Amino acid sequence: MKKTIEVNENTTEEKEKRKAVALRNQIEWIKRQLDYLNFSKDYNLRLDIKKGEIYEFDWGINVNAEFSNRHYGVVLKDSSAINPLVLVCPLKTKKKTMNTWPSMDLGIIDCLNTEKETLAIVNQTRSIDKLRLFSRSIIGNTDNLNDNPPRLTEELTNEILTTYIKYISGVTIKIL
């Protein structure tokens, strides 16, 4: 009986720790949102972003299985300098466990400075404000991503886009 009580106490303690971390993350996200707001008042961000380019984005603090925090993402559609939004498919490191469709295994992407395979998480694709783009990477060793951003091949980018379209529509569409 004593063991059960100790396990329950540990479980309660762990839950409280997780709650505290979640609350801290939410507070940090609110601070970042205020920084974005202040930046957007002072600066007119004009970035010409091209399909296939890979950047590091702040996905925010989201719920449960939604992408959160900083991750790389591949641009799926050109976004002119006057457009504040960019369509992005997030990327993550492939884990040992099986990843299900609509994730796409992109293999090892040399420019991301990792020896692990990368997955495109197609069902998490969304439009993101360019304010969420980081010009300096914290994940890889790339000094300045805006000067010469890493890029996927057009073929691989189109495969991701085709998978995304199939995912949201259920219709098979060939990208030219």
N, C-alpha and C. Protein backbone atom coordinates (compact mmCIF):
# COMPACT_ATOMS: atom_id res chain seq x y z
N MET A 1 0.82 -1.19 0.00
CA MET A 1 0.00 0.00 0.00
C MET A 1 0.86 1.26 0.00
N LYS A 2 1.96 1.23 0.74
CA LYS A 2 2.83 2.39 0.82
C LYS A 2 3.42 2.74 -0.55
N LYS A 3 3.81 1.73 -1.34
CA LYS A 3 4.35 1.97 -2.67
C LYS A 3 3.36 2.70 -3.55
N THR A 4 2.12 2.30 -3.51
CA THR A 4 1.08 2.93 -4.32
C THR A 4 0.96 4.41 -3.98
N ILE A 5 1.01 4.74 -2.71
CA ILE A 5 0.92 6.14 -2.29
C ILE A 5 2.13 6.91 -2.79
N GLU A 6 3.33 6.34 -2.70
CA GLU A 6 4.53 7.01 -3.19
C GLU A 6 4.45 7.25 -4.69
N VAL A 7 3.97 6.27 -5.44
CA VAL A 7 3.82 6.42 -6.88
C VAL A 7 2.83 7.54 -7.18
N ASN A 8 1.71 7.56 -6.46
CA ASN A 8 0.72 8.61 -6.69
C ASN A 8 1.29 9.98 -6.35
N GLU A 9 2.08 10.08 -5.27
CA GLU A 9 2.71 11.35 -4.93
C GLU A 9 3.68 11.79 -6.01
N ASN A 10 4.49 10.85 -6.51
CA ASN A 10 5.41 11.18 -7.60
C ASN A 10 4.66 11.60 -8.84
N THR A 11 3.58 10.93 -9.15
CA THR A 11 2.77 11.29 -10.31
C THR A 11 2.22 12.69 -10.15
N THR A 12 1.72 13.01 -8.97
CA THR A 12 1.19 14.35 -8.71
C THR A 12 2.31 15.39 -8.82
N GLU A 13 3.47 15.07 -8.27
CA GLU A 13 4.61 15.99 -8.35
C GLU A 13 5.02 16.22 -9.80
N GLU A 14 5.08 15.15 -10.59
CA GLU A 14 5.44 15.28 -12.00
C GLU A 14 4.39 16.11 -12.75
N LYS A 15 3.12 15.91 -12.44
CA LYS A 15 2.07 16.70 -13.09
C LYS A 15 2.24 18.18 -12.77
N GLU A 16 2.57 18.48 -11.53
CA GLU A 16 2.76 19.88 -11.12
C GLU A 16 3.97 20.48 -11.84
N LYS A 17 5.03 19.69 -12.00
CA LYS A 17 6.21 20.18 -12.73
C LYS A 17 5.86 20.47 -14.18
N ARG A 18 5.09 19.55 -14.80
CA ARG A 18 4.68 19.76 -16.19
C ARG A 18 3.81 21.00 -16.33
N LYS A 19 2.92 21.22 -15.38
CA LYS A 19 2.06 22.41 -15.39
C LYS A 19 2.90 23.68 -15.29
N ALA A 20 3.90 23.66 -14.41
CA ALA A 20 4.76 24.82 -14.23
C ALA A 20 5.55 25.13 -15.50
N VAL A 21 6.06 24.08 -16.15
CA VAL A 21 6.79 24.27 -17.40
C VAL A 21 5.85 24.81 -18.48
N ALA A 22 4.66 24.27 -18.57
CA ALA A 22 3.68 24.74 -19.55
C ALA A 22 3.33 26.21 -19.32
N LEU A 23 3.16 26.59 -18.07
CA LEU A 23 2.84 27.97 -17.74
C LEU A 23 4.01 28.89 -18.11
N ARG A 24 5.24 28.47 -17.80
CA ARG A 24 6.41 29.26 -18.18
C ARG A 24 6.49 29.43 -19.70
N ASN A 25 6.21 28.34 -20.43
CA ASN A 25 6.22 28.41 -21.89
C ASN A 25 5.18 29.38 -22.42
N GLN A 26 3.99 29.37 -21.82
CA GLN A 26 2.93 30.29 -22.24
C GLN A 26 3.34 31.74 -21.99
N ILE A 27 3.95 32.00 -20.84
CA ILE A 27 4.41 33.36 -20.53
C ILE A 27 5.48 33.80 -21.53
N GLU A 28 6.42 32.91 -21.84
CA GLU A 28 7.44 33.23 -22.83
C GLU A 28 6.81 33.52 -24.19
N TRP A 29 5.79 32.77 -24.56
CA TRP A 29 5.12 32.98 -25.84
C TRP A 29 4.42 34.34 -25.86
N ILE A 30 3.80 34.73 -24.78
CA ILE A 30 3.16 36.04 -24.70
C ILE A 30 4.21 37.14 -24.86
N LYS A 31 5.37 36.96 -24.23
CA LYS A 31 6.46 37.93 -24.38
C LYS A 31 6.90 38.03 -25.85
N ARG A 32 7.03 36.87 -26.51
CA ARG A 32 7.44 36.87 -27.92
C ARG A 32 6.39 37.55 -28.78
N GLN A 33 5.10 37.32 -28.49
CA GLN A 33 4.05 37.98 -29.26
C GLN A 33 4.14 39.50 -29.11
N LEU A 34 4.41 39.97 -27.90
CA LEU A 34 4.57 41.41 -27.69
C LEU A 34 5.79 41.94 -28.45
N ASP A 35 6.87 41.17 -28.48
CA ASP A 35 8.04 41.57 -29.26
C ASP A 35 7.70 41.69 -30.74
N TYR A 36 6.93 40.72 -31.26
CA TYR A 36 6.51 40.77 -32.66
C TYR A 36 5.67 42.01 -32.93
N LEU A 37 4.76 42.31 -32.02
CA LEU A 37 3.89 43.47 -32.16
C LEU A 37 4.73 44.75 -32.19
N ASN A 38 5.65 44.88 -31.26
CA ASN A 38 6.51 46.07 -31.22
C ASN A 38 7.38 46.18 -32.46
N PHE A 39 7.94 45.07 -32.90
CA PHE A 39 8.77 45.07 -34.11
C PHE A 39 7.96 45.51 -35.32
N SER A 40 6.73 44.98 -35.44
CA SER A 40 5.91 45.30 -36.61
C SER A 40 5.50 46.77 -36.64
N LYS A 41 5.43 47.42 -35.48
CA LYS A 41 5.12 48.86 -35.44
C LYS A 41 6.30 49.70 -35.94
N ASP A 42 7.51 49.24 -35.64
CA ASP A 42 8.70 50.02 -35.96
C ASP A 42 9.31 49.71 -37.32
N TYR A 43 9.07 48.51 -37.84
CA TYR A 43 9.72 48.09 -39.08
C TYR A 43 8.71 47.56 -40.08
N ASN A 44 9.01 47.80 -41.35
CA ASN A 44 8.20 47.25 -42.42
C ASN A 44 8.99 46.09 -43.02
N LEU A 45 8.71 44.88 -42.54
CA LEU A 45 9.46 43.70 -42.96
C LEU A 45 9.09 43.34 -44.40
N ARG A 46 10.07 43.36 -45.28
CA ARG A 46 9.84 43.03 -46.68
C ARG A 46 10.85 41.98 -47.12
N LEU A 47 10.41 40.75 -47.12
CA LEU A 47 11.27 39.64 -47.51
C LEU A 47 10.68 38.94 -48.72
N ASP A 48 11.50 38.75 -49.73
CA ASP A 48 11.10 38.00 -50.92
C ASP A 48 11.56 36.56 -50.69
N ILE A 49 10.60 35.67 -50.44
CA ILE A 49 10.93 34.28 -50.09
C ILE A 49 10.48 33.36 -51.21
N LYS A 50 11.34 32.44 -51.56
CA LYS A 50 11.09 31.56 -52.71
C LYS A 50 10.74 30.14 -52.29
N LYS A 51 9.94 29.50 -53.12
CA LYS A 51 9.55 28.10 -52.94
C LYS A 51 10.80 27.23 -52.82
N GLY A 52 10.78 26.34 -51.82
CA GLY A 52 11.89 25.41 -51.63
C GLY A 52 12.92 25.88 -50.61
N GLU A 53 12.90 27.16 -50.26
CA GLU A 53 13.86 27.67 -49.28
C GLU A 53 13.52 27.14 -47.89
N ILE A 54 14.54 26.91 -47.10
CA ILE A 54 14.37 26.40 -45.74
C ILE A 54 14.80 27.48 -44.76
N TYR A 55 13.91 27.77 -43.82
CA TYR A 55 14.18 28.76 -42.78
C TYR A 55 13.82 28.16 -41.43
N GLU A 56 14.27 28.83 -40.41
CA GLU A 56 13.88 28.47 -39.05
C GLU A 56 12.75 29.42 -38.65
N PHE A 57 11.63 28.85 -38.19
CA PHE A 57 10.45 29.63 -37.83
C PHE A 57 10.08 29.41 -36.38
N ASP A 58 9.43 30.40 -35.81
CA ASP A 58 8.85 30.29 -34.48
C ASP A 58 7.40 29.88 -34.67
N TRP A 59 7.08 28.64 -34.34
CA TRP A 59 5.71 28.13 -34.54
C TRP A 59 4.81 28.49 -33.37
N GLY A 60 5.34 29.19 -32.38
CA GLY A 60 4.53 29.59 -31.23
C GLY A 60 4.41 28.48 -30.21
N ILE A 61 3.54 28.71 -29.24
CA ILE A 61 3.20 27.69 -28.25
C ILE A 61 1.80 27.24 -28.59
N ASN A 62 1.67 26.01 -28.97
CA ASN A 62 0.39 25.50 -29.44
C ASN A 62 -0.11 24.36 -28.55
N VAL A 63 -1.17 23.74 -28.96
CA VAL A 63 -1.84 22.74 -28.14
C VAL A 63 -1.42 21.33 -28.54
N ASN A 64 -1.15 20.50 -27.56
CA ASN A 64 -0.93 19.07 -27.69
C ASN A 64 0.04 18.72 -28.81
N ALA A 65 -0.42 18.10 -29.90
CA ALA A 65 0.46 17.58 -30.94
C ALA A 65 0.81 18.62 -32.01
N GLU A 66 0.29 19.85 -31.89
CA GLU A 66 0.61 20.88 -32.87
C GLU A 66 2.07 21.30 -32.70
N PHE A 67 2.70 21.67 -33.80
CA PHE A 67 4.09 22.13 -33.76
C PHE A 67 4.20 23.35 -32.87
N SER A 68 5.22 23.40 -32.05
CA SER A 68 5.49 24.53 -31.18
C SER A 68 6.97 24.87 -31.21
N ASN A 69 7.27 26.11 -30.83
CA ASN A 69 8.63 26.60 -30.70
C ASN A 69 9.35 26.69 -32.03
N ARG A 70 10.68 26.66 -32.00
CA ARG A 70 11.46 26.88 -33.21
C ARG A 70 11.75 25.56 -33.93
N HIS A 71 11.42 25.55 -35.21
CA HIS A 71 11.69 24.41 -36.08
C HIS A 71 11.97 24.94 -37.48
N TYR A 72 12.70 24.16 -38.23
CA TYR A 72 12.87 24.48 -39.63
C TYR A 72 11.57 24.22 -40.37
N GLY A 73 11.41 24.93 -41.49
CA GLY A 73 10.26 24.71 -42.35
C GLY A 73 10.67 25.00 -43.78
N VAL A 74 10.01 24.32 -44.73
CA VAL A 74 10.29 24.54 -46.14
C VAL A 74 9.13 25.35 -46.73
N VAL A 75 9.48 26.36 -47.51
CA VAL A 75 8.50 27.23 -48.15
C VAL A 75 7.88 26.49 -49.34
N LEU A 76 6.54 26.46 -49.41
CA LEU A 76 5.86 25.71 -50.47
C LEU A 76 5.35 26.59 -51.61
N LYS A 77 5.41 27.90 -51.45
CA LYS A 77 4.93 28.81 -52.49
C LYS A 77 5.72 30.10 -52.38
N ASP A 78 6.11 30.66 -53.52
CA ASP A 78 6.80 31.96 -53.51
C ASP A 78 5.97 32.97 -52.73
N SER A 79 6.64 33.86 -52.03
CA SER A 79 5.97 34.92 -51.28
C SER A 79 6.72 36.22 -51.54
N SER A 80 6.07 37.13 -52.26
CA SER A 80 6.72 38.39 -52.62
C SER A 80 6.98 39.25 -51.39
N ALA A 81 7.80 40.26 -51.55
CA ALA A 81 8.17 41.14 -50.45
C ALA A 81 6.97 41.86 -49.85
N ILE A 82 5.92 42.11 -50.65
CA ILE A 82 4.75 42.83 -50.12
C ILE A 82 3.77 41.92 -49.40
N ASN A 83 3.94 40.60 -49.53
CA ASN A 83 3.06 39.63 -48.86
C ASN A 83 3.63 39.34 -47.47
N PRO A 84 2.87 39.58 -46.40
CA PRO A 84 3.41 39.33 -45.06
C PRO A 84 3.40 37.85 -44.67
N LEU A 85 2.73 37.00 -45.45
CA LEU A 85 2.60 35.59 -45.11
C LEU A 85 3.39 34.69 -46.05
N VAL A 86 3.72 33.51 -45.54
CA VAL A 86 4.42 32.51 -46.34
C VAL A 86 3.84 31.14 -45.97
N LEU A 87 3.61 30.28 -46.98
CA LEU A 87 3.10 28.93 -46.76
C LEU A 87 4.28 28.00 -46.45
N VAL A 88 4.25 27.37 -45.26
CA VAL A 88 5.39 26.62 -44.78
C VAL A 88 4.98 25.23 -44.30
N CYS A 89 5.78 24.22 -44.67
CA CYS A 89 5.63 22.87 -44.14
C CYS A 89 6.75 22.65 -43.14
N PRO A 90 6.41 22.34 -41.88
CA PRO A 90 7.46 22.16 -40.87
C PRO A 90 8.28 20.89 -41.11
N LEU A 91 9.52 20.95 -40.66
CA LEU A 91 10.44 19.82 -40.76
C LEU A 91 10.84 19.40 -39.36
N LYS A 92 11.08 18.10 -39.20
CA LYS A 92 11.58 17.61 -37.91
C LYS A 92 12.48 16.41 -38.16
N THR A 93 13.26 16.10 -37.16
CA THR A 93 14.16 14.96 -37.23
C THR A 93 13.36 13.67 -37.14
N LYS A 94 13.73 12.71 -37.98
CA LYS A 94 13.05 11.42 -37.97
C LYS A 94 13.42 10.65 -36.71
N LYS A 95 12.40 10.15 -36.03
CA LYS A 95 12.61 9.35 -34.83
C LYS A 95 12.70 7.88 -35.21
N LYS A 96 13.08 7.05 -34.25
CA LYS A 96 13.19 5.62 -34.50
C LYS A 96 11.84 4.99 -34.78
N THR A 97 10.78 5.54 -34.17
CA THR A 97 9.45 4.98 -34.37
C THR A 97 8.93 5.33 -35.75
N MET A 98 7.98 4.56 -36.21
CA MET A 98 7.40 4.75 -37.53
C MET A 98 6.58 6.03 -37.57
N ASN A 99 6.81 6.87 -38.56
CA ASN A 99 6.01 8.07 -38.76
C ASN A 99 4.99 7.76 -39.86
N THR A 100 3.78 8.21 -39.66
CA THR A 100 2.71 7.85 -40.57
C THR A 100 2.46 8.95 -41.61
N TRP A 101 1.77 8.57 -42.67
CA TRP A 101 1.36 9.52 -43.69
C TRP A 101 0.48 10.55 -43.03
N PRO A 102 0.56 11.78 -43.33
CA PRO A 102 1.22 12.39 -44.47
C PRO A 102 2.62 12.94 -44.21
N SER A 103 3.37 12.34 -43.30
CA SER A 103 4.77 12.73 -43.15
C SER A 103 5.55 12.20 -44.34
N MET A 104 6.52 12.97 -44.80
CA MET A 104 7.37 12.56 -45.92
C MET A 104 8.81 12.48 -45.47
N ASP A 105 9.45 11.36 -45.70
CA ASP A 105 10.86 11.20 -45.37
C ASP A 105 11.69 11.87 -46.46
N LEU A 106 12.43 12.92 -46.08
CA LEU A 106 13.24 13.66 -47.04
C LEU A 106 14.68 13.18 -47.06
N GLY A 107 15.01 12.23 -46.17
CA GLY A 107 16.38 11.76 -46.07
C GLY A 107 17.24 12.76 -45.31
N ILE A 108 18.53 12.68 -45.51
CA ILE A 108 19.46 13.60 -44.85
C ILE A 108 19.59 14.85 -45.71
N ILE A 109 19.34 16.00 -45.10
CA ILE A 109 19.47 17.28 -45.79
C ILE A 109 20.77 17.92 -45.30
N ASP A 110 21.78 17.90 -46.15
CA ASP A 110 23.12 18.33 -45.76
C ASP A 110 23.15 19.73 -45.16
N CYS A 111 22.40 20.65 -45.72
CA CYS A 111 22.47 22.04 -45.28
C CYS A 111 21.90 22.25 -43.87
N LEU A 112 21.25 21.25 -43.29
CA LEU A 112 20.70 21.39 -41.94
C LEU A 112 21.67 20.93 -40.86
N ASN A 113 22.86 20.56 -41.26
CA ASN A 113 23.91 20.18 -40.31
C ASN A 113 23.48 19.11 -39.33
N THR A 114 22.86 18.07 -39.84
CA THR A 114 22.48 16.93 -39.01
C THR A 114 22.77 15.66 -39.76
N GLU A 115 23.09 14.62 -39.03
CA GLU A 115 23.33 13.33 -39.65
C GLU A 115 22.08 12.47 -39.62
N LYS A 116 20.99 13.03 -39.13
CA LYS A 116 19.73 12.30 -39.04
C LYS A 116 18.83 12.66 -40.23
N GLU A 117 17.93 11.73 -40.53
CA GLU A 117 16.99 11.99 -41.61
C GLU A 117 15.95 13.01 -41.17
N THR A 118 15.41 13.74 -42.13
CA THR A 118 14.43 14.79 -41.87
C THR A 118 13.08 14.39 -42.44
N LEU A 119 12.04 14.72 -41.70
CA LEU A 119 10.67 14.50 -42.15
C LEU A 119 9.99 15.83 -42.42
N ALA A 120 9.18 15.87 -43.48
CA ALA A 120 8.27 16.99 -43.72
C ALA A 120 6.94 16.58 -43.10
N ILE A 121 6.44 17.39 -42.18
CA ILE A 121 5.19 17.08 -41.48
C ILE A 121 4.06 17.79 -42.21
N VAL A 122 3.56 17.14 -43.24
CA VAL A 122 2.65 17.75 -44.20
C VAL A 122 1.35 18.21 -43.56
N ASN A 123 0.82 17.46 -42.60
CA ASN A 123 -0.47 17.84 -42.01
C ASN A 123 -0.37 19.04 -41.07
N GLN A 124 0.84 19.55 -40.84
CA GLN A 124 1.03 20.75 -40.01
C GLN A 124 1.35 21.98 -40.86
N THR A 125 1.24 21.85 -42.18
CA THR A 125 1.50 22.96 -43.09
C THR A 125 0.52 24.09 -42.82
N ARG A 126 1.05 25.33 -42.81
CA ARG A 126 0.18 26.48 -42.61
C ARG A 126 0.88 27.76 -43.07
N SER A 127 0.08 28.81 -43.18
CA SER A 127 0.64 30.13 -43.47
C SER A 127 1.16 30.73 -42.18
N ILE A 128 2.34 31.34 -42.28
CA ILE A 128 2.99 31.94 -41.13
C ILE A 128 3.41 33.35 -41.52
N ASP A 129 3.24 34.29 -40.59
CA ASP A 129 3.71 35.64 -40.81
C ASP A 129 5.23 35.62 -40.87
N LYS A 130 5.78 36.42 -41.76
CA LYS A 130 7.24 36.46 -41.92
C LYS A 130 7.95 36.98 -40.68
N LEU A 131 7.23 37.61 -39.78
CA LEU A 131 7.83 38.04 -38.51
C LEU A 131 8.34 36.84 -37.72
N ARG A 132 7.78 35.64 -37.97
CA ARG A 132 8.18 34.44 -37.23
C ARG A 132 9.46 33.80 -37.78
N LEU A 133 10.01 34.37 -38.83
CA LEU A 133 11.22 33.84 -39.44
C LEU A 133 12.44 34.33 -38.67
N PHE A 134 13.36 33.42 -38.38
CA PHE A 134 14.59 33.79 -37.70
C PHE A 134 15.71 33.94 -38.72
N SER A 135 16.42 35.03 -38.64
CA SER A 135 17.51 35.25 -39.59
C SER A 135 18.78 34.55 -39.14
N ARG A 136 18.88 34.27 -37.84
CA ARG A 136 20.04 33.55 -37.33
C ARG A 136 19.58 32.24 -36.73
N SER A 137 20.19 31.17 -37.14
CA SER A 137 19.79 29.83 -36.73
C SER A 137 20.31 29.50 -35.33
N ILE A 138 19.46 28.82 -34.54
CA ILE A 138 19.95 28.26 -33.27
C ILE A 138 20.03 26.74 -33.37
N ILE A 139 19.45 26.17 -34.41
CA ILE A 139 19.41 24.72 -34.53
C ILE A 139 20.67 24.20 -35.20
N GLY A 140 21.00 24.76 -36.34
CA GLY A 140 22.17 24.32 -37.09
C GLY A 140 23.32 25.29 -36.92
N ASN A 141 24.32 25.15 -37.74
CA ASN A 141 25.49 26.02 -37.66
C ASN A 141 25.47 27.11 -38.73
N THR A 142 24.34 27.30 -39.37
CA THR A 142 24.23 28.31 -40.42
C THR A 142 24.30 29.69 -39.78
N ASP A 143 25.21 30.54 -40.24
CA ASP A 143 25.39 31.86 -39.64
C ASP A 143 24.21 32.79 -39.94
N ASN A 144 23.85 32.92 -41.20
CA ASN A 144 22.77 33.83 -41.54
C ASN A 144 21.95 33.21 -42.67
N LEU A 145 20.75 32.76 -42.33
CA LEU A 145 19.91 32.06 -43.30
C LEU A 145 19.36 32.98 -44.38
N ASN A 146 19.24 34.28 -44.09
CA ASN A 146 18.65 35.18 -45.07
C ASN A 146 19.59 35.49 -46.23
N ASP A 147 20.91 35.43 -46.00
CA ASP A 147 21.85 35.73 -47.07
C ASP A 147 21.79 34.70 -48.19
N ASN A 148 21.78 33.45 -47.84
CA ASN A 148 21.74 32.38 -48.82
C ASN A 148 21.05 31.18 -48.17
N PRO A 149 19.72 31.21 -48.12
CA PRO A 149 19.01 30.15 -47.39
C PRO A 149 19.20 28.78 -48.03
N PRO A 150 19.25 27.73 -47.21
CA PRO A 150 19.28 26.38 -47.75
C PRO A 150 18.02 26.15 -48.59
N ARG A 151 18.12 25.23 -49.51
CA ARG A 151 16.99 25.03 -50.44
C ARG A 151 16.85 23.55 -50.79
N LEU A 152 15.59 23.09 -50.81
CA LEU A 152 15.30 21.75 -51.32
C LEU A 152 15.23 21.81 -52.84
N THR A 153 15.39 20.68 -53.48
CA THR A 153 15.23 20.64 -54.93
C THR A 153 13.78 20.95 -55.29
N GLU A 154 13.58 21.42 -56.49
CA GLU A 154 12.21 21.72 -56.95
C GLU A 154 11.37 20.44 -56.96
N GLU A 155 11.98 19.34 -57.34
CA GLU A 155 11.26 18.05 -57.38
C GLU A 155 10.77 17.65 -55.98
N LEU A 156 11.64 17.75 -55.00
CA LEU A 156 11.28 17.37 -53.63
C LEU A 156 10.24 18.33 -53.05
N THR A 157 10.40 19.62 -53.32
CA THR A 157 9.42 20.61 -52.86
C THR A 157 8.06 20.34 -53.48
N ASN A 158 8.03 20.01 -54.76
CA ASN A 158 6.76 19.71 -55.43
C ASN A 158 6.12 18.43 -54.87
N GLU A 159 6.94 17.45 -54.48
CA GLU A 159 6.40 16.23 -53.86
C GLU A 159 5.70 16.57 -52.54
N ILE A 160 6.31 17.45 -51.75
CA ILE A 160 5.70 17.87 -50.49
C ILE A 160 4.38 18.59 -50.77
N LEU A 161 4.41 19.50 -51.72
CA LEU A 161 3.21 20.27 -52.07
C LEU A 161 2.10 19.35 -52.59
N THR A 162 2.46 18.38 -53.41
CA THR A 162 1.47 17.41 -53.93
C THR A 162 0.87 16.60 -52.78
N THR A 163 1.71 16.16 -51.86
CA THR A 163 1.21 15.40 -50.71
C THR A 163 0.29 16.26 -49.86
N TYR A 164 0.63 17.53 -49.69
CA TYR A 164 -0.22 18.45 -48.93
C TYR A 164 -1.58 18.62 -49.61
N ILE A 165 -1.59 18.81 -50.90
CA ILE A 165 -2.84 18.98 -51.63
C ILE A 165 -3.69 17.71 -51.53
N LYS A 166 -3.06 16.55 -51.67
CA LYS A 166 -3.78 15.28 -51.51
C LYS A 166 -4.36 15.17 -50.10
N TYR A 167 -3.58 15.57 -49.12
CA TYR A 167 -4.02 15.49 -47.72
C TYR A 167 -5.26 16.35 -47.47
N ILE A 168 -5.25 17.58 -47.95
CA ILE A 168 -6.37 18.47 -47.64
C ILE A 168 -7.58 18.26 -48.53
N SER A 169 -7.39 17.67 -49.72
CA SER A 169 -8.52 17.54 -50.64
C SER A 169 -8.96 16.12 -50.92
N GLY A 170 -8.05 15.18 -50.75
CA GLY A 170 -8.38 13.79 -51.08
C GLY A 170 -8.35 13.56 -52.58
N VAL A 171 -7.95 14.57 -53.35
CA VAL A 171 -7.89 14.48 -54.81
C VAL A 171 -6.44 14.38 -55.23
N THR A 172 -6.15 13.51 -56.19
CA THR A 172 -4.80 13.40 -56.71
C THR A 172 -4.59 14.49 -57.76
N ILE A 173 -3.57 15.32 -57.53
CA ILE A 173 -3.27 16.43 -58.43
C ILE A 173 -1.79 16.35 -58.77
N LYS A 174 -1.48 16.51 -60.05
CA LYS A 174 -0.08 16.50 -60.47
C LYS A 174 0.40 17.95 -60.58
N ILE A 175 1.50 18.25 -59.90
CA ILE A 175 2.11 19.57 -59.95
C ILE A 175 3.09 19.61 -61.12
N LEU A 176 2.93 20.59 -61.96
CA LEU A 176 3.84 20.74 -63.11
C LEU A 176 5.04 21.58 -62.76
